[in-house]
Amino acid sequence: MNNFLLYCKAKNLILYSEKYILYSIPKNYVVYRKNMEKAILDLNIDIIRSNNNEGNIRRKYQRDILIDIQSIDLFLSILNDLKLVDKKRFMVFTNMLEEVRKICISWIDNEEKK
């Protein structure tokens, strides 16, 4: 599983978010922290599920991956609007998330061509 590029990139999202994004959220915004953390973990779970299944089930989980990415993006933009995340770290995490999104979209496109 470690050679699966999408999985590795999503795993890096977890590590980066734990180290640089989620730790800076104050206790009164803990709801955003928990929801973003859950969305990131759901993203990784859906990647594993879609990799282990085939056919329509795989497509369902691939679409769930895109939904998880949108959820993470929403919570990240809220945290940025509230000025809870450093601008540089926000940009790095957004770029990492965009990379995961592009890989997933190309994976979906390749599956549909088969």
Protein backbone atom coordinates (compact mmCIF):
# COMPACT_ATOMS: atom_id res chain seq x y z
CA MET A 1 0.00 0.00 0.00
CA ASN A 2 2.94 2.35 0.57
CA ASN A 3 3.71 2.42 -3.16
CA PHE A 4 0.18 3.69 -3.91
CA LEU A 5 0.83 7.38 -4.66
CA LEU A 6 -2.60 8.67 -3.63
CA TYR A 7 -2.36 6.89 -0.29
CA CYS A 8 1.10 8.32 0.38
CA LYS A 9 -0.02 11.86 -0.43
CA ALA A 10 -3.09 11.54 1.81
CA LYS A 11 -0.95 10.13 4.60
CA ASN A 12 1.28 13.20 4.28
CA LEU A 13 -1.85 15.34 4.66
CA ILE A 14 -2.51 13.72 8.03
CA LEU A 15 1.04 14.26 9.21
CA TYR A 16 1.20 17.87 8.01
CA SER A 17 -2.20 18.80 9.40
CA GLU A 18 -1.41 17.32 12.81
CA LYS A 19 1.90 19.13 13.00
CA TYR A 20 1.09 22.53 11.50
CA ILE A 21 -2.66 23.11 11.09
CA LEU A 22 -4.66 21.43 13.84
CA TYR A 23 -2.38 22.26 16.74
CA SER A 24 -2.89 26.01 16.22
CA ILE A 25 -6.67 25.88 16.64
CA PRO A 26 -7.80 27.30 20.01
CA LYS A 27 -10.12 25.34 22.28
CA ASN A 28 -13.14 27.51 21.52
CA TYR A 29 -12.93 26.37 17.86
CA VAL A 30 -12.55 22.69 18.70
CA VAL A 31 -15.57 21.83 16.52
CA TYR A 32 -13.66 22.86 13.39
CA ARG A 33 -10.62 20.89 14.52
CA LYS A 34 -12.60 17.70 15.13
CA ASN A 35 -14.55 17.97 11.88
CA MET A 36 -11.44 18.62 9.83
CA GLU A 37 -9.62 15.79 11.54
CA LYS A 38 -12.55 13.46 10.84
CA ALA A 39 -12.69 14.53 7.18
CA ILE A 40 -8.96 13.86 6.75
CA LEU A 41 -9.27 10.42 8.32
CA ASP A 42 -12.37 9.68 6.20
CA LEU A 43 -10.37 10.65 3.13
CA ASN A 44 -7.71 8.07 3.96
CA ILE A 45 -10.28 5.39 4.76
CA ASP A 46 -12.10 6.00 1.47
CA ILE A 47 -8.80 5.78 -0.44
CA ILE A 48 -8.11 2.40 1.12
CA ARG A 49 -11.65 1.19 0.46
CA SER A 50 -11.64 2.31 -3.15
CA ASN A 51 -8.27 0.67 -3.75
CA ASN A 52 -9.51 -2.65 -2.34
CA ASN A 53 -12.78 -2.77 -4.30
CA GLU A 54 -13.72 -2.87 -7.96
CA GLY A 55 -16.55 -1.73 -10.22
CA ASN A 56 -19.39 0.38 -8.90
CA ILE A 57 -18.23 0.09 -5.30
CA ARG A 58 -14.85 1.53 -6.28
CA ARG A 59 -16.55 4.43 -8.09
CA LYS A 60 -18.67 5.16 -5.04
CA TYR A 61 -15.63 5.40 -2.80
CA GLN A 62 -13.75 7.47 -5.39
CA ARG A 63 -16.60 9.97 -5.36
CA ASP A 64 -16.53 9.91 -1.56
CA ILE A 65 -12.85 10.85 -1.75
CA LEU A 66 -13.77 13.97 -3.72
CA ILE A 67 -16.46 14.81 -1.16
CA ASP A 68 -13.95 14.41 1.67
CA ILE A 69 -11.54 16.72 -0.14
CA GLN A 70 -14.26 19.36 -0.48
CA SER A 71 -15.07 19.03 3.23
CA ILE A 72 -11.43 19.50 4.18
CA ASP A 73 -11.23 22.48 1.85
CA LEU A 74 -14.31 24.02 3.48
CA PHE A 75 -12.97 23.67 7.02
CA LEU A 76 -9.56 24.94 5.96
CA SER A 77 -11.06 28.03 4.34
CA ILE A 78 -13.11 28.70 7.50
CA LEU A 79 -9.98 28.43 9.61
CA ASN A 80 -8.19 30.77 7.22
CA ASP A 81 -11.04 33.30 7.34
CA LEU A 82 -10.91 33.25 11.12
CA LYS A 83 -7.13 33.84 10.91
CA LEU A 84 -6.38 30.67 12.85
CA VAL A 85 -3.92 29.28 10.30
CA ASP A 86 -0.70 30.86 9.14
CA LYS A 87 -0.95 31.99 5.50
CA LYS A 88 2.14 30.04 4.39
CA ARG A 89 0.94 26.83 6.05
CA PHE A 90 -2.50 27.37 4.55
CA MET A 91 -0.99 27.61 1.07
CA VAL A 92 1.20 24.52 1.56
CA PHE A 93 -1.72 22.45 2.81
CA THR A 94 -3.98 23.71 0.01
CA ASN A 95 -1.36 22.72 -2.56
CA MET A 96 -1.06 19.27 -1.01
CA LEU A 97 -4.84 18.90 -1.06
CA GLU A 98 -5.01 20.02 -4.68
CA GLU A 99 -2.41 17.44 -5.59
CA VAL A 100 -4.51 14.70 -3.98
CA ARG A 101 -7.58 15.99 -5.83
CA LYS A 102 -5.80 15.90 -9.20
CA ILE A 103 -4.51 12.37 -8.63
CA CYS A 104 -7.97 11.19 -7.64
CA ILE A 105 -9.65 12.81 -10.65
CA SER A 106 -7.14 11.25 -13.03
CA TRP A 107 -7.67 7.88 -11.32
CA ILE A 108 -11.45 8.21 -11.81
CA ASP A 109 -10.97 9.20 -15.45
CA ASN A 110 -8.70 6.21 -16.09
CA GLU A 111 -11.22 3.87 -14.45
CA GLU A 112 -14.06 5.20 -16.62
CA LYS A 113 -12.02 4.68 -19.80
CA LYS A 114 -11.66 0.97 -19.08
